[in-house]
PDB file of N, CA and C in Angstrom:
ATOM      1  N   MET A   1      -8.491   0.115   2.274  1.00  0.00           N
ATOM      2  CA  MET A   1      -7.953   1.594   2.002  1.00  0.00           C
ATOM      3  C   MET A   1      -7.944   2.070   3.631  1.00  0.00           C
ATOM      4  N   LEU A   2      -6.864   3.003   3.702  1.00  0.00           N
ATOM      5  CA  LEU A   2      -7.203   3.708   5.115  1.00  0.00           C
ATOM      6  C   LEU A   2      -8.090   4.768   5.256  1.00  0.00           C
ATOM      7  N   SER A   3      -8.657   4.951   6.292  1.00  0.00           N
ATOM      8  CA  SER A   3      -9.627   6.300   6.331  1.00  0.00           C
ATOM      9  C   SER A   3      -8.604   7.233   6.407  1.00  0.00           C
ATOM     10  N   GLN A   4      -9.579   8.455   5.732  1.00  0.00           N
ATOM     11  CA  GLN A   4      -9.219   9.584   5.875  1.00  0.00           C
ATOM     12  C   GLN A   4      -8.742  10.396   7.470  1.00  0.00           C
ATOM     13  N   ASP A   5      -9.390  10.182   8.060  1.00  0.00           N
ATOM     14  CA  ASP A   5      -9.031  10.467   9.621  1.00  0.00           C
ATOM     15  C   ASP A   5      -7.698  10.227   9.776  1.00  0.00           C
ATOM     16  N   LYS A   6      -7.477   8.845   9.924  1.00  0.00           N
ATOM     17  CA  LYS A   6      -6.068   8.276   9.928  1.00  0.00           C
ATOM     18  C   LYS A   6      -5.308   8.788   9.191  1.00  0.00           C
ATOM     19  N   ILE A   7      -5.391   9.157   7.792  1.00  0.00           N
ATOM     20  CA  ILE A   7      -4.308   9.896   7.216  1.00  0.00           C
ATOM     21  C   ILE A   7      -4.157  11.444   7.336  1.00  0.00           C
ATOM     22  N   ASN A   8      -5.071  11.805   7.802  1.00  0.00           N
ATOM     23  CA  ASN A   8      -5.046  13.221   8.388  1.00  0.00           C
ATOM     24  C   ASN A   8      -4.113  13.419   9.653  1.00  0.00           C
ATOM     25  N   ARG A   9      -4.425  12.095  10.562  1.00  0.00           N
ATOM     26  CA  ARG A   9      -3.454  12.131  11.729  1.00  0.00           C
ATOM     27  C   ARG A   9      -2.157  11.750  11.568  1.00  0.00           C
ATOM     28  N   ILE A  10      -1.585  10.834  10.407  1.00  0.00           N
ATOM     29  CA  ILE A  10      -0.352  10.703  10.163  1.00  0.00           C
ATOM     30  C   ILE A  10      -0.004  12.026   9.489  1.00  0.00           C
ATOM     31  N   ASN A  11      -0.624  12.971   8.961  1.00  0.00           N
ATOM     32  CA  ASN A  11      -0.061  14.147   8.278  1.00  0.00           C
ATOM     33  C   ASN A  11       0.043  15.407   9.459  1.00  0.00           C
ATOM     34  N   GLU A  12      -0.721  15.175  10.438  1.00  0.00           N
ATOM     35  CA  GLU A  12      -0.553  15.926  11.573  1.00  0.00           C
ATOM     36  C   GLU A  12       0.918  15.483  12.535  1.00  0.00           C
ATOM     37  N   LEU A  13       0.652  14.092  12.873  1.00  0.00           N
ATOM     38  CA  LEU A  13       1.925  13.771  13.485  1.00  0.00           C
ATOM     39  C   LEU A  13       3.175  14.239  12.877  1.00  0.00           C
ATOM     40  N   SER A  14       3.215  14.172  11.563  1.00  0.00           N
ATOM     41  CA  SER A  14       4.446  14.516  10.546  1.00  0.00           C
ATOM     42  C   SER A  14       4.884  15.865  10.843  1.00  0.00           C
ATOM     43  N   LYS A  15       4.211  16.641  10.774  1.00  0.00           N
ATOM     44  CA  LYS A  15       4.223  18.198  10.920  1.00  0.00           C
ATOM     45  C   LYS A  15       4.448  18.541  12.267  1.00  0.00           C
ATOM     46  N   LYS A  16       3.809  18.072  13.330  1.00  0.00           N
ATOM     47  CA  LYS A  16       4.308  18.169  14.569  1.00  0.00           C
ATOM     48  C   LYS A  16       5.715  17.680  15.218  1.00  0.00           C
ATOM     49  N   SER A  17       6.181  16.819  14.317  1.00  0.00           N
ATOM     50  CA  SER A  17       7.425  15.987  14.720  1.00  0.00           C
ATOM     51  C   SER A  17       8.505  17.073  14.143  1.00  0.00           C
ATOM     52  N   LYS A  18       8.102  17.637  12.808  1.00  0.00           N
ATOM     53  CA  LYS A  18       9.150  18.538  12.414  1.00  0.00           C
ATOM     54  C   LYS A  18       9.284  19.745  12.684  1.00  0.00           C
ATOM     55  N   THR A  19       8.117  20.051  13.667  1.00  0.00           N
ATOM     56  CA  THR A  19       8.257  21.469  14.379  1.00  0.00           C
ATOM     57  C   THR A  19       8.778  21.278  15.799  1.00  0.00           C
ATOM     58  N   ILE A  20       7.871  21.016  16.408  1.00  0.00           N
ATOM     59  CA  ILE A  20       8.133  21.018  18.010  1.00  0.00           C
ATOM     60  C   ILE A  20       8.643  19.581  18.648  1.00  0.00           C
ATOM     61  N   GLY A  21       8.254  18.308  17.796  1.00  0.00           N
ATOM     62  CA  GLY A  21       8.762  16.940  18.193  1.00  0.00           C
ATOM     63  C   GLY A  21       7.524  16.449  18.805  1.00  0.00           C
ATOM     64  N   LEU A  22       7.626  15.162  18.903  1.00  0.00           N
ATOM     65  CA  LEU A  22       6.468  14.079  19.567  1.00  0.00           C
ATOM     66  C   LEU A  22       6.850  13.554  21.010  1.00  0.00           C
ATOM     67  N   SER A  23       5.618  13.306  21.772  1.00  0.00           N
ATOM     68  CA  SER A  23       5.987  12.640  22.920  1.00  0.00           C
ATOM     69  C   SER A  23       6.176  11.290  22.292  1.00  0.00           C
ATOM     70  N   ILE A  24       6.404  10.318  23.509  1.00  0.00           N
ATOM     71  CA  ILE A  24       6.725   9.128  23.102  1.00  0.00           C
ATOM     72  C   ILE A  24       5.642   8.486  22.651  1.00  0.00           C
ATOM     73  N   GLU A  25       4.783   8.625  23.483  1.00  0.00           N
ATOM     74  CA  GLU A  25       2.849   8.055  22.881  1.00  0.00           C
ATOM     75  C   GLU A  25       2.626   8.594  21.291  1.00  0.00           C
ATOM     76  N   GLU A  26       3.014   9.796  21.156  1.00  0.00           N
ATOM     77  CA  GLU A  26       2.577  10.190  19.764  1.00  0.00           C
ATOM     78  C   GLU A  26       3.503   9.578  18.874  1.00  0.00           C
ATOM     79  N   ALA A  27       4.812   9.183  19.223  1.00  0.00           N
ATOM     80  CA  ALA A  27       5.817   8.710  18.106  1.00  0.00           C
ATOM     81  C   ALA A  27       5.206   7.234  18.104  1.00  0.00           C
ATOM     82  N   LYS A  28       4.877   6.658  19.361  1.00  0.00           N
ATOM     83  CA  LYS A  28       4.378   5.094  18.953  1.00  0.00           C
ATOM     84  C   LYS A  28       3.156   5.087  18.100  1.00  0.00           C
ATOM     85  N   GLU A  29       1.999   5.963  18.332  1.00  0.00           N
ATOM     86  CA  GLU A  29       1.148   6.243  17.672  1.00  0.00           C
ATOM     87  C   GLU A  29       1.310   6.281  16.041  1.00  0.00           C
ATOM     88  N   GLN A  30       2.444   7.299  15.873  1.00  0.00           N
ATOM     89  CA  GLN A  30       2.856   7.469  14.456  1.00  0.00           C
ATOM     90  C   GLN A  30       3.289   6.209  13.970  1.00  0.00           C
ATOM     91  N   THR A  31       4.105   5.557  14.256  1.00  0.00           N
ATOM     92  CA  THR A  31       4.648   4.175  13.938  1.00  0.00           C
ATOM     93  C   THR A  31       3.649   3.314  13.729  1.00  0.00           C
ATOM     94  N   LYS A  32       2.588   3.357  14.526  1.00  0.00           N
ATOM     95  CA  LYS A  32       1.499   2.431  14.400  1.00  0.00           C
ATOM     96  C   LYS A  32       0.940   2.883  12.870  1.00  0.00           C
ATOM     97  N   LEU A  33       0.526   4.094  12.748  1.00  0.00           N
ATOM     98  CA  LEU A  33      -0.549   4.531  11.786  1.00  0.00           C
ATOM     99  C   LEU A  33       0.368   4.445  10.727  1.00  0.00           C
ATOM    100  N   ARG A  34       1.640   4.823  10.515  1.00  0.00           N
ATOM    101  CA  ARG A  34       2.397   4.234   9.500  1.00  0.00           C
ATOM    102  C   ARG A  34       2.774   3.107   8.989  1.00  0.00           C
ATOM    103  N   LYS A  35       2.656   1.992  10.052  1.00  0.00           N
ATOM    104  CA  LYS A  35       2.778   0.586   9.489  1.00  0.00           C
ATOM    105  C   LYS A  35       1.375   0.085   8.850  1.00  0.00           C
ATOM    106  N   GLU A  36      -0.085   0.814   9.255  1.00  0.00           N
ATOM    107  CA  GLU A  36      -1.073   0.349   8.890  1.00  0.00           C
ATOM    108  C   GLU A  36      -1.235   0.915   7.588  1.00  0.00           C
ATOM    109  N   TYR A  37      -0.382   2.141   7.314  1.00  0.00           N
ATOM    110  CA  TYR A  37      -0.929   2.671   5.893  1.00  0.00           C
ATOM    111  C   TYR A  37      -0.206   1.927   5.006  1.00  0.00           C
ATOM    112  N   LEU A  38       1.447   1.840   5.513  1.00  0.00           N
ATOM    113  CA  LEU A  38       1.826   0.777   4.396  1.00  0.00           C
ATOM    114  C   LEU A  38       1.306  -0.787   3.846  1.00  0.00           C
ATOM    115  N   GLU A  39       0.719  -1.073   4.798  1.00  0.00           N
ATOM    116  CA  GLU A  39       0.167  -2.420   4.816  1.00  0.00           C
ATOM    117  C   GLU A  39      -0.910  -2.603   3.698  1.00  0.00           C
ATOM    118  N   SER A  40      -1.761  -1.194   4.074  1.00  0.00           N
ATOM    119  CA  SER A  40      -2.821  -0.735   3.121  1.00  0.00           C
ATOM    120  C   SER A  40      -2.294  -0.407   1.571  1.00  0.00           C
ATOM    121  N   PHE A  41      -1.413   0.315   1.446  1.00  0.00           N
ATOM    122  CA  PHE A  41      -0.787   0.610   0.114  1.00  0.00           C
ATOM    123  C   PHE A  41      -0.210  -0.752  -0.468  1.00  0.00           C
ATOM    124  N   ARG A  42       0.487  -1.617   0.191  1.00  0.00           N
ATOM    125  CA  ARG A  42       0.899  -2.876  -0.279  1.00  0.00           C
ATOM    126  C   ARG A  42      -0.289  -3.785  -0.871  1.00  0.00           C
ATOM    127  N   SER A  43      -1.088  -3.992  -0.081  1.00  0.00           N
ATOM    128  CA  SER A  43      -2.281  -4.992  -0.571  1.00  0.00           C
ATOM    129  C   SER A  43      -3.110  -3.897  -1.489  1.00  0.00           C
ATOM    130  N   SER A  44      -3.106  -2.921  -1.483  1.00  0.00           N
ATOM    131  CA  SER A  44      -3.889  -2.316  -2.842  1.00  0.00           C
ATOM    132  C   SER A  44      -2.981  -2.616  -3.816  1.00  0.00           C
ATOM    133  N   MET A  45      -1.457  -2.316  -3.944  1.00  0.00           N
ATOM    134  CA  MET A  45      -0.725  -2.311  -4.965  1.00  0.00           C
ATOM    135  C   MET A  45      -0.571  -3.720  -5.666  1.00  0.00           C
ATOM    136  N   ARG A  46      -0.506  -4.720  -4.719  1.00  0.00           N
ATOM    137  CA  ARG A  46      -0.567  -6.202  -4.830  1.00  0.00           C
ATOM    138  C   ARG A  46      -1.925  -6.733  -5.951  1.00  0.00           C
ATOM    139  N   ASN A  47      -2.877  -6.312  -5.181  1.00  0.00           N
ATOM    140  CA  ASN A  47      -4.279  -6.348  -6.020  1.00  0.00           C
ATOM    141  C   ASN A  47      -3.945  -5.723  -7.611  1.00  0.00           C
ATOM    142  N   THR A  48      -3.885  -4.707  -7.581  1.00  0.00           N
ATOM    143  CA  THR A  48      -3.708  -3.845  -8.733  1.00  0.00           C
ATOM    144  C   THR A  48      -2.505  -4.733  -9.867  1.00  0.00           C
ATOM    145  N   ILE A  49      -1.466  -5.223  -9.288  1.00  0.00           N
ATOM    146  CA  ILE A  49      -0.670  -5.859 -10.269  1.00  0.00           C
ATOM    147  C   ILE A  49      -1.148  -7.372 -10.525  1.00  0.00           C
ATOM    148  N   GLU A  50      -1.723  -7.774  -9.722  1.00  0.00           N
ATOM    149  CA  GLU A  50      -2.282  -9.275 -10.031  1.00  0.00           C
ATOM    150  C   GLU A  50      -3.377  -9.088 -10.946  1.00  0.00           C
ATOM    151  N   ASN A  51      -4.201  -8.418 -11.286  1.00  0.00           N
ATOM    152  CA  ASN A  51      -5.291  -7.525 -12.164  1.00  0.00           C
ATOM    153  C   ASN A  51      -4.908  -7.326 -13.395  1.00  0.00           C
ATOM    154  N   VAL A  52      -3.635  -7.059 -13.698  1.00  0.00           N
ATOM    155  CA  VAL A  52      -3.035  -6.295 -14.928  1.00  0.00           C
ATOM    156  C   VAL A  52      -2.717  -7.322 -16.104  1.00  0.00           C
ATOM    157  N   LYS A  53      -2.878  -7.147 -17.181  1.00  0.00           N
ATOM    158  CA  LYS A  53      -2.690  -7.793 -18.364  1.00  0.00           C
ATOM    159  C   LYS A  53      -1.787  -7.195 -19.263  1.00  0.00           C
ATOM    160  N   VAL A  54      -0.915  -7.690 -19.501  1.00  0.00           N
ATOM    161  CA  VAL A  54       0.023  -6.780 -20.607  1.00  0.00           C
ATOM    162  C   VAL A  54       0.093  -7.339 -21.374  1.00  0.00           C
ATOM    163  N   LEU A  55      -0.370  -6.501 -22.764  1.00  0.00           N
ATOM    164  CA  LEU A  55      -0.481  -6.815 -24.216  1.00  0.00           C
ATOM    165  C   LEU A  55       0.740  -5.935 -24.923  1.00  0.00           C
ATOM    166  N   ASP A  56       1.285  -6.703 -26.012  1.00  0.00           N
ATOM    167  CA  ASP A  56       2.362  -6.283 -26.797  1.00  0.00           C
ATOM    168  C   ASP A  56       1.659  -5.637 -27.862  1.00  0.00           C
ATOM    169  N   PRO A  57       2.139  -4.886 -29.187  1.00  0.00           N
ATOM    170  CA  PRO A  57       1.496  -3.901 -29.936  1.00  0.00           C
ATOM    171  C   PRO A  57       0.513  -4.994 -30.742  1.00  0.00           C
ATOM    172  N   GLN A  58       0.742  -6.023 -30.999  1.00  0.00           N
ATOM    173  CA  GLN A  58       0.326  -7.156 -31.826  1.00  0.00           C
ATOM    174  C   GLN A  58      -1.263  -7.407 -31.183  1.00  0.00           C
ATOM    175  N   GLY A  59      -1.238  -7.597 -29.948  1.00  0.00           N
ATOM    176  CA  GLY A  59      -2.257  -7.876 -28.944  1.00  0.00           C
ATOM    177  C   GLY A  59      -2.074  -8.949 -28.100  1.00  0.00           C
ATOM    178  N   ASN A  60      -0.744  -9.716 -28.222  1.00  0.00           N
ATOM    179  CA  ASN A  60      -0.284 -10.601 -27.640  1.00  0.00           C
ATOM    180  C   ASN A  60       0.001 -10.409 -26.132  1.00  0.00           C
ATOM    181  N   ASP A  61      -0.572 -11.772 -25.071  1.00  0.00           N
ATOM    182  CA  ASP A  61      -0.482 -11.518 -23.847  1.00  0.00           C
ATOM    183  C   ASP A  61       0.928 -11.583 -23.539  1.00  0.00           C
ATOM    184  N   VAL A  62       1.845 -10.787 -22.970  1.00  0.00           N
ATOM    185  CA  VAL A  62       3.106 -10.864 -22.595  1.00  0.00           C
ATOM    186  C   VAL A  62       2.893 -10.465 -21.103  1.00  0.00           C
ATOM    187  N   THR A  63       1.996 -10.942 -20.321  1.00  0.00           N
ATOM    188  CA  THR A  63       2.237 -10.638 -18.797  1.00  0.00           C
ATOM    189  C   THR A  63       2.868 -11.395 -18.194  1.00  0.00           C
ATOM    190  N   PRO A  64       4.096 -10.960 -17.637  1.00  0.00           N
ATOM    191  CA  PRO A  64       5.045 -11.786 -16.598  1.00  0.00           C
ATOM    192  C   PRO A  64       4.200 -12.933 -15.856  1.00  0.00           C
ATOM    193  N   GLN A  65       5.404 -13.901 -16.115  1.00  0.00           N
ATOM    194  CA  GLN A  65       4.876 -15.224 -15.787  1.00  0.00           C
ATOM    195  C   GLN A  65       4.929 -15.251 -14.180  1.00  0.00           C
ATOM    196  N   LYS A  66       5.442 -14.361 -13.492  1.00  0.00           N
ATOM    197  CA  LYS A  66       5.304 -14.326 -11.938  1.00  0.00           C
ATOM    198  C   LYS A  66       3.836 -13.584 -11.675  1.00  0.00           C
ATOM    199  N   VAL A  67       3.422 -12.662 -12.436  1.00  0.00           N
ATOM    200  CA  VAL A  67       2.151 -12.269 -12.295  1.00  0.00           C
ATOM    201  C   VAL A  67       1.016 -13.392 -12.547  1.00  0.00           C
ATOM    202  N   LYS A  68       1.381 -14.040 -13.590  1.00  0.00           N
ATOM    203  CA  LYS A  68       0.111 -14.894 -13.886  1.00  0.00           C
ATOM    204  C   LYS A  68       0.128 -15.921 -12.845  1.00  0.00           C
ATOM    205  N   GLU A  69       1.126 -16.296 -12.166  1.00  0.00           N
ATOM    206  CA  GLU A  69       1.155 -17.267 -10.901  1.00  0.00           C
ATOM    207  C   GLU A  69       0.628 -16.452 -10.016  1.00  0.00           C
ATOM    208  N   ALA A  70       0.885 -15.150  -9.492  1.00  0.00           N
ATOM    209  CA  ALA A  70       0.324 -14.601  -8.425  1.00  0.00           C
ATOM    210  C   ALA A  70      -0.908 -14.731  -8.739  1.00  0.00           C
ATOM    211  N   LYS A  71      -1.688 -14.497  -9.693  1.00  0.00           N
ATOM    212  CA  LYS A  71      -3.067 -14.262 -10.002  1.00  0.00           C
ATOM    213  C   LYS A  71      -3.968 -15.651  -9.772  1.00  0.00           C
ATOM    214  N   ASN A  72      -3.067 -16.642 -10.187  1.00  0.00           N
ATOM    215  CA  ASN A  72      -3.789 -18.020 -10.289  1.00  0.00           C
ATOM    216  C   ASN A  72      -3.752 -18.436  -8.772  1.00  0.00           C
ATOM    217  N   LYS A  73      -2.607 -18.151  -8.273  1.00  0.00           N
ATOM    218  CA  LYS A  73      -2.480 -18.604  -6.758  1.00  0.00           C
ATOM    219  C   LYS A  73      -3.658 -17.905  -5.858  1.00  0.00           C
ATOM    220  N   LYS A  74      -3.908 -16.592  -5.914  1.00  0.00           N
ATOM    221  CA  LYS A  74      -5.038 -15.903  -5.643  1.00  0.00           C
ATOM    222  C   LYS A  74      -6.348 -16.471  -5.932  1.00  0.00           C
ATOM    223  N   TYR A  75      -6.919 -16.903  -6.935  1.00  0.00           N
ATOM    224  CA  TYR A  75      -8.044 -17.411  -7.231  1.00  0.00           C
ATOM    225  C   TYR A  75      -7.980 -18.951  -6.680  1.00  0.00           C
ATOM    226  N   LEU A  76      -6.823 -19.624  -6.703  1.00  0.00           N
ATOM    227  CA  LEU A  76      -6.789 -20.918  -5.969  1.00  0.00           C
ATOM    228  C   LEU A  76      -7.466 -20.899  -4.550  1.00  0.00           C
ATOM    229  N   ASN A  77      -6.771 -20.019  -3.980  1.00  0.00           N
ATOM    230  CA  ASN A  77      -7.006 -19.819  -2.298  1.00  0.00           C
ATOM    231  C   ASN A  77      -8.293 -19.404  -1.968  1.00  0.00           C
TER     232      ASN A  77
END
C-alpha cells in the first residue's frame, strides 16, 4: 500500500497542475508517483482476486478456472 504522504503529494500535484501548472521536475515526480500508485493498486487487486472463492446459490464452487490457476500458481512459486 502506498503511504498517505505519497497519496497526499499526488493530490497536491494534481491540484497544482489544474491551477498554475507544474514544473518539469514536478511533472516527472507526478508521473513517478502515479506509476507507483498504479503498481500498488494492481498488486492489491490481484491479491484480492486470487483469494476470492465464488459460490452459486446451491453452495457449489463456481470460481473461474483462470482465478483458480492464478491462485495455484501463486502458491507453487
